[in-house]
Amino acid sequence: MAGCGPGVRSDGSGRSDGGERRPSASASHRGPSVIRLPGNAFLADLVVSDNGTLWVAQSRLSAIAEISPAGKVTQHPLPRGPGYPPYPYDLQESPDGGIWYTAGDQLGRLGPSGKFTWWDDSSYARPNGPGGKRPGFPDALTLGPDNTIWFGHSAPSSYVFARADTKRGLHRIALVKGDFDVPVRGMATGPDGAVWFSQQFQYDEDQRDGIGRLTAEGKYKEWPLPKGTAPQSIVAGPDKALWFTERRGIGRIGTDGRFSHFRVRASDHPGGIVLGPDKALWFTTDHRVGRITTKGGITLWPVRGAKNLTSIAPTPEGSFWLADRETDTLRRFTPPR
């Protein structure tokens, strides 16, 4: 287990009650607790398969790392076309065991055998993979309600949502126009069968942020957020709501469109967020792991040695893998008992 300090409880306002929790001294897992990847890898995302295999997007290496439960690392360099460099950003496992990814102007799938299927947006070469269509510049992706990969990508003066699978290729779902034309930061299938997404435009002082909803029929709706909210990762909760990380806190939006916001003490911007086996939401922020209940109660644990924790992924046995972007390190965190 990665070294963890005492926990600090806080309520939704971020006030600490001074309580402490210490992690269990024993661990139920086998294999390494800390895995160091090549320097300057820039760990952008990670997922854990049901068999415990860990998949990590290494943006600056243009590669996806496959790590066995025993800790063996296999590097999969992304295919290169004549277009933009493929810097992987977002990962999603599909039911067939493949790992889908977004990377620059490339959308692709790494199969269980190590073979890539991919499409790029280069105007100088024929796109690769079945379908022959182009993915634009994909931002985020998720497994949709129909077990295909849904993703958002930019197009001239608009934003496009599409589906992808290896048999049918790429298929446009919806063309979004208007003031909500900003990049998608996270996507997740909601409890209502629609796909929900966070949008954040980093380069506009007006900061047009929001949460959106897209149905299988291509109908979408958006809810603007206050300036500077900066929503990022998003996940479906156990309470018929979507939970997302935002500047200095955690946000919640019900399927009725009602928002709640919970401040995280001494936090600039939480990173990843996932649903834990205990039906609470777990997230990363700076050098800490956080847990928030559906009532808004927050507990924080410092992780010894961590510098900048970003992505988080649950494991089959109940622990979590954390990506430490500053140190190019993966750290396993086992919640205290």
Protein backbone atom coordinates (compact mmCIF):
# COMPACT_ATOMS: atom_id res chain seq x y z
CA MET A 1 0.00 0.00 0.00
CA ALA A 2 1.20 3.50 -0.76
CA GLY A 3 2.06 5.35 2.42
CA CYS A 4 -0.88 7.41 3.68
CA GLY A 5 -1.19 9.85 6.52
CA PRO A 6 -4.10 10.49 8.86
CA GLY A 7 -7.41 11.46 7.38
CA VAL A 8 -9.05 14.85 7.85
CA ARG A 9 -12.81 15.02 7.86
CA SER A 10 -14.66 18.08 6.64
CA ASP A 11 -18.22 18.99 5.80
CA GLY A 12 -19.40 20.52 2.55
CA SER A 13 -18.09 23.92 3.57
CA GLY A 14 -14.58 22.53 3.97
CA ARG A 15 -14.42 23.02 7.74
CA SER A 16 -12.40 20.36 9.50
CA ASP A 17 -13.69 18.66 12.63
CA GLY A 18 -10.16 17.59 13.60
CA GLY A 19 -10.90 13.86 13.34
CA GLU A 20 -8.22 11.46 12.19
CA ARG A 21 -8.35 8.16 10.38
CA ARG A 22 -5.40 5.91 9.81
CA PRO A 23 -5.17 3.34 7.05
CA SER A 24 -5.06 -0.33 7.90
CA ALA A 25 -1.57 -1.74 8.33
CA SER A 26 -2.48 -4.82 6.31
CA ALA A 27 -3.29 -4.96 2.60
CA SER A 28 -5.49 -7.45 0.75
CA HIS A 29 -3.70 -7.10 -2.59
CA ARG A 30 -0.62 -8.65 -4.09
CA GLY A 31 1.88 -6.93 -6.33
CA PRO A 32 3.59 -3.54 -6.11
CA SER A 33 2.14 -0.51 -4.37
CA VAL A 34 4.27 2.04 -6.22
CA ILE A 35 5.13 1.84 -9.94
CA ARG A 36 7.47 4.36 -11.52
CA LEU A 37 7.08 5.02 -15.25
CA PRO A 38 9.60 6.77 -17.53
CA GLY A 39 10.32 10.39 -16.67
CA ASN A 40 8.35 13.13 -18.39
CA ALA A 41 5.57 10.65 -19.23
CA PHE A 42 2.79 13.06 -18.16
CA LEU A 43 0.19 10.56 -16.90
CA ALA A 44 -3.12 11.75 -18.32
CA ASP A 45 -5.58 8.96 -17.46
CA LEU A 46 -5.79 5.40 -16.18
CA VAL A 47 -8.27 2.52 -16.09
CA VAL A 48 -8.20 -0.88 -14.38
CA SER A 49 -9.60 -3.98 -16.08
CA ASP A 50 -11.59 -6.62 -14.19
CA ASN A 51 -8.52 -8.87 -14.11
CA GLY A 52 -6.48 -6.15 -12.39
CA THR A 53 -4.52 -5.01 -15.45
CA LEU A 54 -3.72 -1.30 -15.31
CA TRP A 55 -3.76 0.88 -18.44
CA VAL A 56 -2.13 4.32 -18.37
CA ALA A 57 -2.16 7.14 -20.95
CA GLN A 58 1.33 8.66 -21.15
CA SER A 59 0.81 11.84 -23.13
CA ARG A 60 4.35 13.03 -23.67
CA LEU A 61 5.54 9.54 -24.59
CA SER A 62 2.67 9.06 -27.09
CA ALA A 63 2.12 5.64 -25.55
CA ILE A 64 -0.23 3.55 -23.44
CA ALA A 65 1.34 1.48 -20.67
CA GLU A 66 -0.10 -1.94 -19.88
CA ILE A 67 0.78 -3.07 -16.35
CA SER A 68 0.03 -6.59 -15.11
CA PRO A 69 -1.17 -7.21 -11.54
CA ALA A 70 2.37 -8.39 -10.77
CA GLY A 71 3.78 -5.05 -11.94
CA LYS A 72 5.17 -5.97 -15.38
CA VAL A 73 5.08 -2.92 -17.67
CA THR A 74 4.51 -3.24 -21.43
CA GLN A 75 4.67 -0.07 -23.49
CA HIS A 76 2.39 0.35 -26.52
CA PRO A 77 3.56 3.29 -28.68
CA LEU A 78 0.64 4.88 -30.51
CA PRO A 79 0.60 4.68 -34.32
CA ARG A 80 1.75 7.82 -36.09
CA GLY A 81 0.32 9.39 -39.20
CA PRO A 82 1.33 12.64 -40.92
CA GLY A 83 -1.08 14.66 -38.77
CA TYR A 84 -0.79 15.95 -35.22
CA PRO A 85 1.31 14.07 -32.63
CA PRO A 86 -0.83 11.48 -30.84
CA TYR A 87 -0.75 12.61 -27.22
CA PRO A 88 -3.22 10.25 -25.44
CA TYR A 89 -5.59 12.05 -23.09
CA ASP A 90 -8.63 9.93 -22.21
CA LEU A 91 -9.05 6.14 -21.87
CA GLN A 92 -12.12 3.90 -21.81
CA GLU A 93 -12.38 0.12 -21.60
CA SER A 94 -14.98 -1.54 -23.84
CA PRO A 95 -16.89 -4.79 -23.15
CA ASP A 96 -14.68 -6.73 -25.60
CA GLY A 97 -11.58 -5.95 -23.56
CA GLY A 98 -10.22 -3.22 -25.83
CA ILE A 99 -8.93 0.12 -24.57
CA TRP A 100 -10.17 3.17 -26.50
CA TYR A 101 -8.31 6.45 -26.39
CA THR A 102 -8.29 10.04 -27.65
CA ALA A 103 -4.97 11.53 -28.81
CA GLY A 104 -4.53 14.78 -30.72
CA ASP A 105 -6.50 14.32 -33.93
CA GLN A 106 -6.60 10.56 -33.40
CA LEU A 107 -9.26 8.22 -32.01
CA GLY A 108 -8.22 4.63 -31.56
CA ARG A 109 -8.52 1.27 -29.88
CA LEU A 110 -5.80 -0.95 -28.46
CA GLY A 111 -7.00 -4.54 -28.66
CA PRO A 112 -6.24 -7.31 -26.17
CA SER A 113 -3.62 -8.70 -28.58
CA GLY A 114 -1.78 -5.36 -28.73
CA LYS A 115 -3.09 -4.40 -32.17
CA PHE A 116 -4.24 -0.83 -32.85
CA THR A 117 -7.29 0.25 -34.84
CA TRP A 118 -7.33 4.00 -35.36
CA TRP A 119 -8.64 6.98 -37.27
CA ASP A 120 -6.98 10.36 -37.66
CA ASP A 121 -7.96 13.72 -39.14
CA SER A 122 -5.00 14.21 -41.44
CA SER A 123 -5.82 15.74 -44.82
CA TYR A 124 -2.65 14.17 -46.26
CA ALA A 125 -3.47 10.53 -45.78
CA ARG A 126 -6.40 8.17 -45.86
CA PRO A 127 -7.75 7.60 -42.34
CA ASN A 128 -6.88 4.22 -40.85
CA GLY A 129 -9.26 1.55 -39.66
CA PRO A 130 -12.73 0.58 -40.88
CA GLY A 131 -15.26 3.22 -41.85
CA GLY A 132 -12.96 5.74 -43.52
CA LYS A 133 -14.36 8.71 -41.57
CA ARG A 134 -12.41 11.28 -39.59
CA PRO A 135 -12.67 11.89 -35.83
CA GLY A 136 -11.86 15.61 -35.80
CA PHE A 137 -9.99 16.46 -32.60
CA PRO A 138 -11.53 14.19 -29.95
CA ASP A 139 -11.48 15.45 -26.37
CA ALA A 140 -13.20 12.89 -24.14
CA LEU A 141 -15.00 9.58 -24.52
CA THR A 142 -17.14 7.12 -22.59
CA LEU A 143 -18.93 3.80 -22.98
CA GLY A 144 -22.44 4.78 -24.04
CA PRO A 145 -25.76 3.15 -23.16
CA ASP A 146 -25.59 1.08 -26.37
CA ASN A 147 -22.13 -0.35 -25.54
CA THR A 148 -20.45 1.73 -28.22
CA ILE A 149 -17.87 4.45 -27.59
CA TRP A 150 -19.30 7.98 -27.54
CA PHE A 151 -16.92 10.90 -27.95
CA GLY A 152 -16.93 14.65 -28.42
CA HIS A 153 -14.76 16.44 -30.95
CA SER A 154 -14.33 19.82 -32.57
CA ALA A 155 -15.35 20.82 -36.07
CA PRO A 156 -15.31 24.25 -37.80
CA SER A 157 -17.62 26.63 -35.88
CA SER A 158 -19.34 23.77 -34.05
CA TYR A 159 -18.94 20.84 -31.73
CA VAL A 160 -19.77 17.26 -32.76
CA PHE A 161 -20.66 14.13 -30.82
CA ALA A 162 -20.14 10.76 -32.46
CA ARG A 163 -20.12 7.03 -31.82
CA ALA A 164 -17.41 4.54 -32.70
CA ASP A 165 -17.01 0.78 -32.90
CA THR A 166 -14.67 -1.44 -34.87
CA LYS A 167 -17.42 -2.94 -37.05
CA ARG A 168 -19.25 0.21 -38.18
CA GLY A 169 -16.55 2.84 -37.77
CA LEU A 170 -17.45 6.43 -36.82
CA HIS A 171 -21.01 7.79 -36.81
CA ARG A 172 -22.09 11.34 -36.02
CA ILE A 173 -24.73 11.70 -33.30
CA ALA A 174 -25.26 15.43 -32.87
CA LEU A 175 -23.92 18.74 -34.13
CA VAL A 176 -23.88 21.34 -31.35
CA LYS A 177 -23.90 25.01 -32.30
CA GLY A 178 -24.10 28.24 -30.33
CA ASP A 179 -22.41 29.66 -27.25
CA PHE A 180 -21.77 26.20 -25.81
CA ASP A 181 -19.09 25.52 -28.42
CA VAL A 182 -16.30 24.64 -25.97
CA PRO A 183 -14.18 21.50 -25.41
CA VAL A 184 -15.51 18.54 -23.46
CA ARG A 185 -13.39 17.61 -20.41
CA GLY A 186 -15.23 14.52 -19.19
CA MET A 187 -18.08 12.21 -20.24
CA ALA A 188 -20.13 9.58 -18.41
CA THR A 189 -23.33 7.62 -18.98
CA GLY A 190 -25.94 8.76 -16.48
CA PRO A 191 -28.59 6.82 -14.57
CA ASP A 192 -31.19 8.09 -17.05
CA GLY A 193 -29.54 6.38 -20.03
CA ALA A 194 -28.21 9.64 -21.49
CA VAL A 195 -24.57 10.67 -21.75
CA TRP A 196 -23.55 13.62 -19.55
CA PHE A 197 -20.48 15.75 -20.07
CA SER A 198 -18.52 18.64 -18.60
CA GLN A 199 -17.31 21.51 -20.77
CA GLN A 200 -14.58 24.00 -19.98
CA PHE A 201 -12.97 26.57 -22.24
CA GLN A 202 -9.52 27.34 -20.85
CA TYR A 203 -8.54 30.17 -23.19
CA ASP A 204 -11.50 32.50 -22.91
CA GLU A 205 -11.67 35.06 -20.09
CA ASP A 206 -15.46 34.64 -20.07
CA GLN A 207 -14.89 30.95 -19.13
CA ARG A 208 -18.02 29.48 -20.70
CA ASP A 209 -18.34 26.41 -18.45
CA GLY A 210 -21.24 24.03 -18.16
CA ILE A 211 -22.69 20.55 -17.86
CA GLY A 212 -24.50 18.96 -20.79
CA ARG A 213 -26.73 15.98 -21.52
CA LEU A 214 -27.01 14.06 -24.79
CA THR A 215 -29.58 11.38 -25.60
CA ALA A 216 -29.25 8.42 -27.95
CA GLU A 217 -31.53 10.31 -30.37
CA GLY A 218 -29.02 13.16 -30.57
CA LYS A 219 -30.96 15.67 -28.46
CA TYR A 220 -28.87 17.74 -26.10
CA LYS A 221 -29.34 20.24 -23.34
CA GLU A 222 -26.82 22.30 -21.41
CA TRP A 223 -26.72 23.98 -18.01
CA PRO A 224 -24.28 26.91 -17.70
CA LEU A 225 -22.06 27.13 -14.64
CA PRO A 226 -20.76 30.26 -12.91
CA LYS A 227 -17.63 31.82 -14.36
CA GLY A 228 -14.49 30.07 -13.17
CA THR A 229 -16.17 26.80 -12.08
CA ALA A 230 -13.92 24.83 -14.48
CA PRO A 231 -15.63 21.41 -14.39
CA GLN A 232 -13.43 18.48 -15.26
CA SER A 233 -13.96 14.75 -14.57
CA ILE A 234 -17.55 13.51 -14.27
CA VAL A 235 -19.05 10.24 -13.06
CA ALA A 236 -22.51 8.81 -12.35
CA GLY A 237 -23.26 8.55 -8.64
CA PRO A 238 -25.48 6.07 -6.78
CA ASP A 239 -28.13 8.77 -6.17
CA LYS A 240 -29.50 9.43 -9.68
CA ALA A 241 -27.07 12.31 -10.10
CA LEU A 242 -23.79 13.14 -11.81
CA TRP A 243 -20.77 14.20 -9.74
CA PHE A 244 -17.85 16.20 -11.11
CA THR A 245 -14.64 17.86 -10.02
CA GLU A 246 -14.51 21.64 -10.20
CA ARG A 247 -12.23 24.44 -9.04
CA ARG A 248 -11.76 24.13 -5.26
CA GLY A 249 -14.50 21.54 -4.88
CA ILE A 250 -16.89 18.84 -6.03
CA GLY A 251 -20.09 19.53 -7.95
CA ARG A 252 -23.30 17.55 -8.26
CA ILE A 253 -26.10 17.83 -10.81
CA GLY A 254 -29.29 15.83 -10.53
CA THR A 255 -31.03 14.51 -13.61
CA ASP A 256 -33.52 17.32 -12.98
CA GLY A 257 -30.74 19.87 -13.58
CA ARG A 258 -30.36 21.03 -9.97
CA PHE A 259 -26.81 21.81 -8.84
CA SER A 260 -25.03 21.43 -5.51
CA HIS A 261 -21.45 22.48 -4.78
CA PHE A 262 -19.16 21.21 -2.01
CA ARG A 263 -15.93 22.97 -1.18
CA VAL A 264 -12.81 20.85 -0.59
CA ARG A 265 -10.56 22.31 2.10
CA ALA A 266 -7.25 23.81 0.91
CA SER A 267 -7.71 22.51 -2.63
CA ASP A 268 -7.03 24.33 -5.87
CA HIS A 269 -8.58 21.90 -8.34
CA PRO A 270 -9.52 18.26 -7.66
CA GLY A 271 -8.62 15.95 -10.55
CA GLY A 272 -10.29 12.59 -11.12
CA ILE A 273 -13.47 11.24 -9.52
CA VAL A 274 -14.89 7.71 -9.45
CA LEU A 275 -17.64 5.75 -7.73
CA GLY A 276 -16.20 3.56 -4.99
CA PRO A 277 -17.38 0.12 -3.84
CA ASP A 278 -18.86 1.76 -0.74
CA LYS A 279 -21.27 3.88 -2.86
CA ALA A 280 -19.38 7.06 -2.06
CA LEU A 281 -17.46 9.21 -4.55
CA TRP A 282 -13.65 9.13 -4.38
CA PHE A 283 -11.43 11.82 -5.87
CA THR A 284 -7.88 13.16 -6.01
CA THR A 285 -6.67 16.63 -5.14
CA ASP A 286 -3.02 17.76 -4.92
CA HIS A 287 -1.25 15.14 -2.72
CA ARG A 288 -4.47 13.79 -1.19
CA VAL A 289 -7.26 11.30 -1.79
CA GLY A 290 -10.78 12.40 -0.91
CA ARG A 291 -14.10 10.69 -0.23
CA ILE A 292 -17.44 12.46 -0.45
CA THR A 293 -20.76 10.92 0.54
CA THR A 294 -24.01 11.68 -1.25
CA LYS A 295 -24.84 13.92 1.74
CA GLY A 296 -21.73 16.03 1.12
CA GLY A 297 -19.50 14.78 3.97
CA ILE A 298 -15.84 14.89 2.91
CA THR A 299 -12.83 12.97 4.26
CA LEU A 300 -9.26 13.61 3.05
CA TRP A 301 -6.14 11.44 3.34
CA PRO A 302 -2.63 12.68 2.47
CA VAL A 303 -0.64 10.14 0.42
CA ARG A 304 2.99 9.92 1.45
CA GLY A 305 5.37 10.88 -1.37
CA ALA A 306 2.65 12.18 -3.70
CA LYS A 307 3.03 15.55 -5.41
CA ASN A 308 0.21 16.04 -7.94
CA LEU A 309 -2.41 13.29 -7.96
CA THR A 310 -4.72 13.44 -10.96
CA SER A 311 -6.52 10.32 -12.21
CA ILE A 312 -7.98 7.65 -9.93
CA ALA A 313 -9.29 4.17 -10.71
CA PRO A 314 -10.86 1.53 -8.43
CA THR A 315 -9.44 -2.01 -8.37
CA PRO A 316 -11.43 -5.26 -8.12
CA GLU A 317 -10.38 -5.83 -4.49
CA GLY A 318 -11.45 -2.40 -3.24
CA SER A 319 -8.31 -0.28 -3.38
CA PHE A 320 -7.52 2.54 -5.83
CA TRP A 321 -4.71 3.31 -8.23
CA LEU A 322 -3.66 6.95 -8.35
CA ALA A 323 -1.69 8.73 -11.07
CA ASP A 324 0.93 11.15 -9.74
CA ARG A 325 1.64 13.37 -12.72
CA GLU A 326 4.51 15.34 -11.22
CA THR A 327 6.57 12.27 -10.34
CA ASP A 328 5.42 9.96 -13.21
CA THR A 329 4.37 7.46 -10.55
CA LEU A 330 1.40 5.20 -9.92
CA ARG A 331 0.46 4.73 -6.28
CA ARG A 332 -1.96 2.23 -4.79
CA PHE A 333 -4.19 3.56 -2.02
CA THR A 334 -6.09 1.20 0.28
CA PRO A 335 -8.88 2.93 2.23
CA PRO A 336 -8.64 2.58 6.00
CA ARG A 337 -10.93 0.12 7.70
